[in-house]
C-alpha atoms as a PDB file:
ATOM      1  CA  UNK A   1       4.219 125.332-150.768  1.00  0.00           C
ATOM      2  CA  UNK A   2       5.787 126.448-147.530  1.00  0.00           C
ATOM      3  CA  UNK A   3       6.108 124.251-144.445  1.00  0.00           C
ATOM      4  CA  UNK A   4       6.377 127.255-141.999  1.00  0.00           C
ATOM      5  CA  UNK A   5       3.240 128.117-140.141  1.00  0.00           C
ATOM      6  CA  UNK A   6       2.019 131.650-140.704  1.00  0.00           C
ATOM      7  CA  UNK A   7      -0.065 132.067-137.541  1.00  0.00           C
ATOM      8  CA  UNK A   8       0.077 135.669-136.383  1.00  0.00           C
ATOM      9  CA  UNK A   9       0.992 136.270-132.742  1.00  0.00           C
ATOM     10  CA  UNK A  10      -2.231 137.074-130.821  1.00  0.00           C
ATOM     11  CA  UNK A  11      -0.569 138.519-127.694  1.00  0.00           C
ATOM     12  CA  UNK A  12       2.489 138.485-125.489  1.00  0.00           C
ATOM     13  CA  UNK A  13       4.543 135.354-125.288  1.00  0.00           C
ATOM     14  CA  UNK A  14       4.569 133.104-122.210  1.00  0.00           C
ATOM     15  CA  UNK A  15       7.766 134.596-120.764  1.00  0.00           C
ATOM     16  CA  UNK A  16       6.342 138.148-120.853  1.00  0.00           C
ATOM     17  CA  UNK A  17       3.192 137.042-119.086  1.00  0.00           C
ATOM     18  CA  UNK A  18       5.092 135.141-116.368  1.00  0.00           C
ATOM     19  CA  UNK A  19       7.461 138.074-115.777  1.00  0.00           C
ATOM     20  CA  UNK A  20       4.561 140.537-115.548  1.00  0.00           C
ATOM     21  CA  UNK A  21       2.672 138.371-113.042  1.00  0.00           C
ATOM     22  CA  UNK A  22       5.809 137.909-110.951  1.00  0.00           C
ATOM     23  CA  UNK A  23       6.491 141.663-110.884  1.00  0.00           C
ATOM     24  CA  UNK A  24       2.926 142.446-109.902  1.00  0.00           C
ATOM     25  CA  UNK A  25       3.072 139.887-107.064  1.00  0.00           C
ATOM     26  CA  UNK A  26       6.360 141.267-105.810  1.00  0.00           C
ATOM     27  CA  UNK A  27       4.994 144.842-105.851  1.00  0.00           C
ATOM     28  CA  UNK A  28       1.883 143.769-103.905  1.00  0.00           C
ATOM     29  CA  UNK A  29       4.015 141.902-101.316  1.00  0.00           C
ATOM     30  CA  UNK A  30       6.350 144.848-100.826  1.00  0.00           C
ATOM     31  CA  UNK A  31       3.435 147.252-100.442  1.00  0.00           C
ATOM     32  CA  UNK A  32       1.752 145.020 -97.829  1.00  0.00           C
ATOM     33  CA  UNK A  33       5.000 144.649 -95.876  1.00  0.00           C
ATOM     34  CA  UNK A  34       5.660 148.352 -95.781  1.00  0.00           C
ATOM     35  CA  UNK A  35       2.167 149.520 -94.838  1.00  0.00           C
ATOM     36  CA  UNK A  36       2.337 148.456 -91.160  1.00  0.00           C
ATOM     37  CA  UNK A  37       5.602 150.209 -90.233  1.00  0.00           C
ATOM     38  CA  UNK A  38       5.866 150.097 -86.442  1.00  0.00           C
ATOM     39  CA  UNK A  39       9.053 152.165 -86.355  1.00  0.00           C
ATOM     40  CA  UNK A  40       7.261 155.450 -85.778  1.00  0.00           C
ATOM     41  CA  UNK A  41       8.039 157.897 -82.991  1.00  0.00           C
ATOM     42  CA  UNK A  42       5.880 155.791 -80.653  1.00  0.00           C
ATOM     43  CA  UNK A  43       8.970 154.424 -78.972  1.00  0.00           C
ATOM     44  CA  UNK A  44      10.264 157.720 -77.645  1.00  0.00           C
ATOM     45  CA  UNK A  45      10.829 157.928 -73.901  1.00  0.00           C
ATOM     46  CA  UNK A  46       7.943 160.281 -73.212  1.00  0.00           C
ATOM     47  CA  UNK A  47       5.446 158.906 -75.668  1.00  0.00           C
ATOM     48  CA  UNK A  48       2.022 158.430 -74.134  1.00  0.00           C
ATOM     49  CA  UNK A  49       2.736 160.175 -70.853  1.00  0.00           C
ATOM     50  CA  UNK A  50       2.516 163.797 -69.868  1.00  0.00           C
ATOM     51  CA  UNK A  51       2.113 164.959 -66.270  1.00  0.00           C
ATOM     52  CA  UNK A  52      -0.437 167.598 -65.340  1.00  0.00           C
ATOM     53  CA  UNK A  53       0.968 171.075 -65.779  1.00  0.00           C
ATOM     54  CA  UNK A  54       3.377 170.112 -68.536  1.00  0.00           C
ATOM     55  CA  UNK A  55       4.226 172.855 -70.978  1.00  0.00           C
ATOM     56  CA  UNK A  56       1.936 173.063 -73.956  1.00  0.00           C
ATOM     57  CA  UNK A  57       1.722 175.466 -76.859  1.00  0.00           C
ATOM     58  CA  UNK A  58      -2.070 174.939 -76.972  1.00  0.00           C
ATOM     59  CA  UNK A  59      -1.718 173.005 -80.222  1.00  0.00           C
ATOM     60  CA  UNK A  60      -3.286 169.699 -80.988  1.00  0.00           C
ATOM     61  CA  UNK A  61      -6.860 168.450 -80.871  1.00  0.00           C
ATOM     62  CA  UNK A  62      -8.676 168.985 -77.608  1.00  0.00           C
ATOM     63  CA  UNK A  63      -9.821 165.663 -76.138  1.00  0.00           C
ATOM     64  CA  UNK A  64     -11.103 166.228 -72.636  1.00  0.00           C
ATOM     65  CA  UNK A  65     -10.750 167.959 -69.354  1.00  0.00           C
ATOM     66  CA  UNK A  66      -8.474 166.232 -66.827  1.00  0.00           C
ATOM     67  CA  UNK A  67     -11.441 165.848 -64.511  1.00  0.00           C
ATOM     68  CA  UNK A  68     -13.182 163.735 -67.176  1.00  0.00           C
ATOM     69  CA  UNK A  69     -10.544 160.973 -66.868  1.00  0.00           C
ATOM     70  CA  UNK A  70     -11.154 158.830 -63.771  1.00  0.00           C
ATOM     71  CA  UNK A  71      -8.198 157.887 -61.595  1.00  0.00           C
ATOM     72  CA  UNK A  72      -7.358 154.217 -62.104  1.00  0.00           C
ATOM     73  CA  UNK A  73      -9.402 154.222 -65.299  1.00  0.00           C
ATOM     74  CA  UNK A  74      -9.718 156.166 -68.496  1.00  0.00           C
ATOM     75  CA  UNK A  75     -11.822 157.167 -71.442  1.00  0.00           C
ATOM     76  CA  UNK A  76     -11.932 155.956 -75.059  1.00  0.00           C
ATOM     77  CA  UNK A  77     -12.050 158.601 -77.807  1.00  0.00           C
ATOM     78  CA  UNK A  78     -13.279 156.546 -80.769  1.00  0.00           C
ATOM     79  CA  UNK A  79     -13.332 159.505 -83.163  1.00  0.00           C
ATOM     80  CA  UNK A  80      -9.605 160.019 -82.558  1.00  0.00           C
ATOM     81  CA  UNK A  81      -8.617 156.388 -82.136  1.00  0.00           C
ATOM     82  CA  UNK A  82      -7.035 156.911 -78.717  1.00  0.00           C
ATOM     83  CA  UNK A  83      -7.543 155.883 -75.105  1.00  0.00           C
ATOM     84  CA  UNK A  84      -6.532 158.328 -72.363  1.00  0.00           C
ATOM     85  CA  UNK A  85      -5.957 156.907 -68.877  1.00  0.00           C
ATOM     86  CA  UNK A  86      -5.049 158.212 -65.434  1.00  0.00           C
ATOM     87  CA  UNK A  87      -3.287 155.268 -63.719  1.00  0.00           C
ATOM     88  CA  UNK A  88      -2.305 157.468 -60.715  1.00  0.00           C
ATOM     89  CA  UNK A  89      -3.601 160.896 -59.591  1.00  0.00           C
ATOM     90  CA  UNK A  90      -2.250 163.531 -61.941  1.00  0.00           C
ATOM     91  CA  UNK A  91      -0.519 161.116 -64.345  1.00  0.00           C
ATOM     92  CA  UNK A  92      -2.099 160.773 -67.786  1.00  0.00           C
ATOM     93  CA  UNK A  93      -1.226 158.233 -70.478  1.00  0.00           C
ATOM     94  CA  UNK A  94      -2.544 157.749 -73.996  1.00  0.00           C
ATOM     95  CA  UNK A  95      -2.589 154.666 -76.236  1.00  0.00           C
ATOM     96  CA  UNK A  96      -3.961 153.635 -79.602  1.00  0.00           C
ATOM     97  CA  UNK A  97      -7.544 152.402 -79.285  1.00  0.00           C
ATOM     98  CA  UNK A  98      -6.771 149.597 -81.839  1.00  0.00           C
ATOM     99  CA  UNK A  99      -6.285 146.176 -80.348  1.00  0.00           C
ATOM    100  CA  UNK A 100      -3.027 144.598 -81.439  1.00  0.00           C
ATOM    101  CA  UNK A 101      -4.635 141.193 -81.847  1.00  0.00           C
ATOM    102  CA  UNK A 102      -6.832 141.734 -84.903  1.00  0.00           C
ATOM    103  CA  UNK A 103      -7.373 145.505 -85.057  1.00  0.00           C
ATOM    104  CA  UNK A 104     -10.710 145.758 -83.303  1.00  0.00           C
ATOM    105  CA  UNK A 105     -11.416 148.989 -81.435  1.00  0.00           C
ATOM    106  CA  UNK A 106     -11.130 148.577 -77.684  1.00  0.00           C
ATOM    107  CA  UNK A 107     -14.528 148.892 -76.063  1.00  0.00           C
ATOM    108  CA  UNK A 108     -14.321 149.551 -72.346  1.00  0.00           C
ATOM    109  CA  UNK A 109     -12.102 150.280 -69.345  1.00  0.00           C
ATOM    110  CA  UNK A 110     -12.745 148.401 -66.121  1.00  0.00           C
ATOM    111  CA  UNK A 111     -10.695 147.277 -63.167  1.00  0.00           C
ATOM    112  CA  UNK A 112      -7.538 149.046 -64.378  1.00  0.00           C
ATOM    113  CA  UNK A 113      -7.748 147.291 -67.762  1.00  0.00           C
ATOM    114  CA  UNK A 114      -8.503 148.484 -71.271  1.00  0.00           C
ATOM    115  CA  UNK A 115     -10.698 145.718 -72.715  1.00  0.00           C
ATOM    116  CA  UNK A 116     -11.166 144.631 -76.345  1.00  0.00           C
ATOM    117  CA  UNK A 117     -14.685 143.261 -76.931  1.00  0.00           C
ATOM    118  CA  UNK A 118     -13.754 141.106 -79.941  1.00  0.00           C
ATOM    119  CA  UNK A 119     -11.662 138.398 -78.259  1.00  0.00           C
ATOM    120  CA  UNK A 120     -11.247 139.554 -74.653  1.00  0.00           C
ATOM    121  CA  UNK A 121      -7.702 140.943 -74.721  1.00  0.00           C
ATOM    122  CA  UNK A 122      -6.926 143.176 -71.758  1.00  0.00           C
ATOM    123  CA  UNK A 123      -4.287 145.937 -71.550  1.00  0.00           C
ATOM    124  CA  UNK A 124      -2.916 147.824 -68.519  1.00  0.00           C
ATOM    125  CA  UNK A 125      -4.110 151.449 -68.083  1.00  0.00           C
ATOM    126  CA  UNK A 126      -0.615 152.236 -66.727  1.00  0.00           C
ATOM    127  CA  UNK A 127       1.493 151.269 -69.706  1.00  0.00           C
ATOM    128  CA  UNK A 128      -0.738 149.577 -72.371  1.00  0.00           C
ATOM    129  CA  UNK A 129       0.956 146.215 -71.861  1.00  0.00           C
ATOM    130  CA  UNK A 130      -0.939 142.966 -72.436  1.00  0.00           C
ATOM    131  CA  UNK A 131      -2.406 141.546 -69.246  1.00  0.00           C
ATOM    132  CA  UNK A 132      -4.667 138.941 -70.898  1.00  0.00           C
ATOM    133  CA  UNK A 133      -4.502 137.535 -74.448  1.00  0.00           C
ATOM    134  CA  UNK A 134      -4.977 136.554 -77.157  1.00  0.00           C
ATOM    135  CA  UNK A 135      -3.106 139.801 -77.983  1.00  0.00           C
ATOM    136  CA  UNK A 136       0.660 139.377 -77.569  1.00  0.00           C
ATOM    137  CA  UNK A 137       1.744 142.991 -78.111  1.00  0.00           C
ATOM    138  CA  UNK A 138       0.792 146.011 -75.993  1.00  0.00           C
ATOM    139  CA  UNK A 139      -1.175 149.031 -77.242  1.00  0.00           C
ATOM    140  CA  UNK A 140       0.930 151.599 -79.047  1.00  0.00           C
ATOM    141  CA  UNK A 141       1.520 154.777 -77.077  1.00  0.00           C
ATOM    142  CA  UNK A 142      -0.028 157.990 -78.331  1.00  0.00           C
ATOM    143  CA  UNK A 143       1.238 161.480 -77.566  1.00  0.00           C
ATOM    144  CA  UNK A 144      -0.810 163.895 -75.500  1.00  0.00           C
ATOM    145  CA  UNK A 145      -0.191 167.163 -73.706  1.00  0.00           C
ATOM    146  CA  UNK A 146      -1.798 168.241 -70.448  1.00  0.00           C
ATOM    147  CA  UNK A 147      -1.932 171.945 -69.672  1.00  0.00           C
ATOM    148  CA  UNK A 148      -3.929 172.952 -66.637  1.00  0.00           C
ATOM    149  CA  UNK A 149      -7.156 171.014 -67.026  1.00  0.00           C
ATOM    150  CA  UNK A 150      -6.931 170.491 -70.806  1.00  0.00           C
ATOM    151  CA  UNK A 151      -5.845 167.225 -72.386  1.00  0.00           C
ATOM    152  CA  UNK A 152      -4.905 167.440 -76.102  1.00  0.00           C
ATOM    153  CA  UNK A 153      -3.494 165.150 -78.720  1.00  0.00           C
ATOM    154  CA  UNK A 154       0.108 166.288 -79.332  1.00  0.00           C
END
């Protein structure tokens, strides 16, 4: 008679399971951290601003005619996720239409402010900076070109 137990192993041992769970958690955390990379070209000196008459190769998606963007205001292009503004006559700026607070789409432009309907954050039409929270970070600049009367995504 043998005193050793002859129970067959039904699956991986505890160490294997713990290691696999830890590796899966680490992979998920690294994926989540890398998905919101803010180090894109958005920080370039001319991002978001192109004066009327700037050179353009005609490329990019057509958004609007310059006359469609009111001076001191702007227009939201929900299908393209951008806001185009004209803070001063002949100066056009573009920003992401996604509020930096919780990712809602901005909903209106009034009184020189781009307004998020979700929690009331307001951003300047001139530079996308936060003028009223709860957002703490300005809207990301977007690249546009203006050629004659045509405004296009760059």
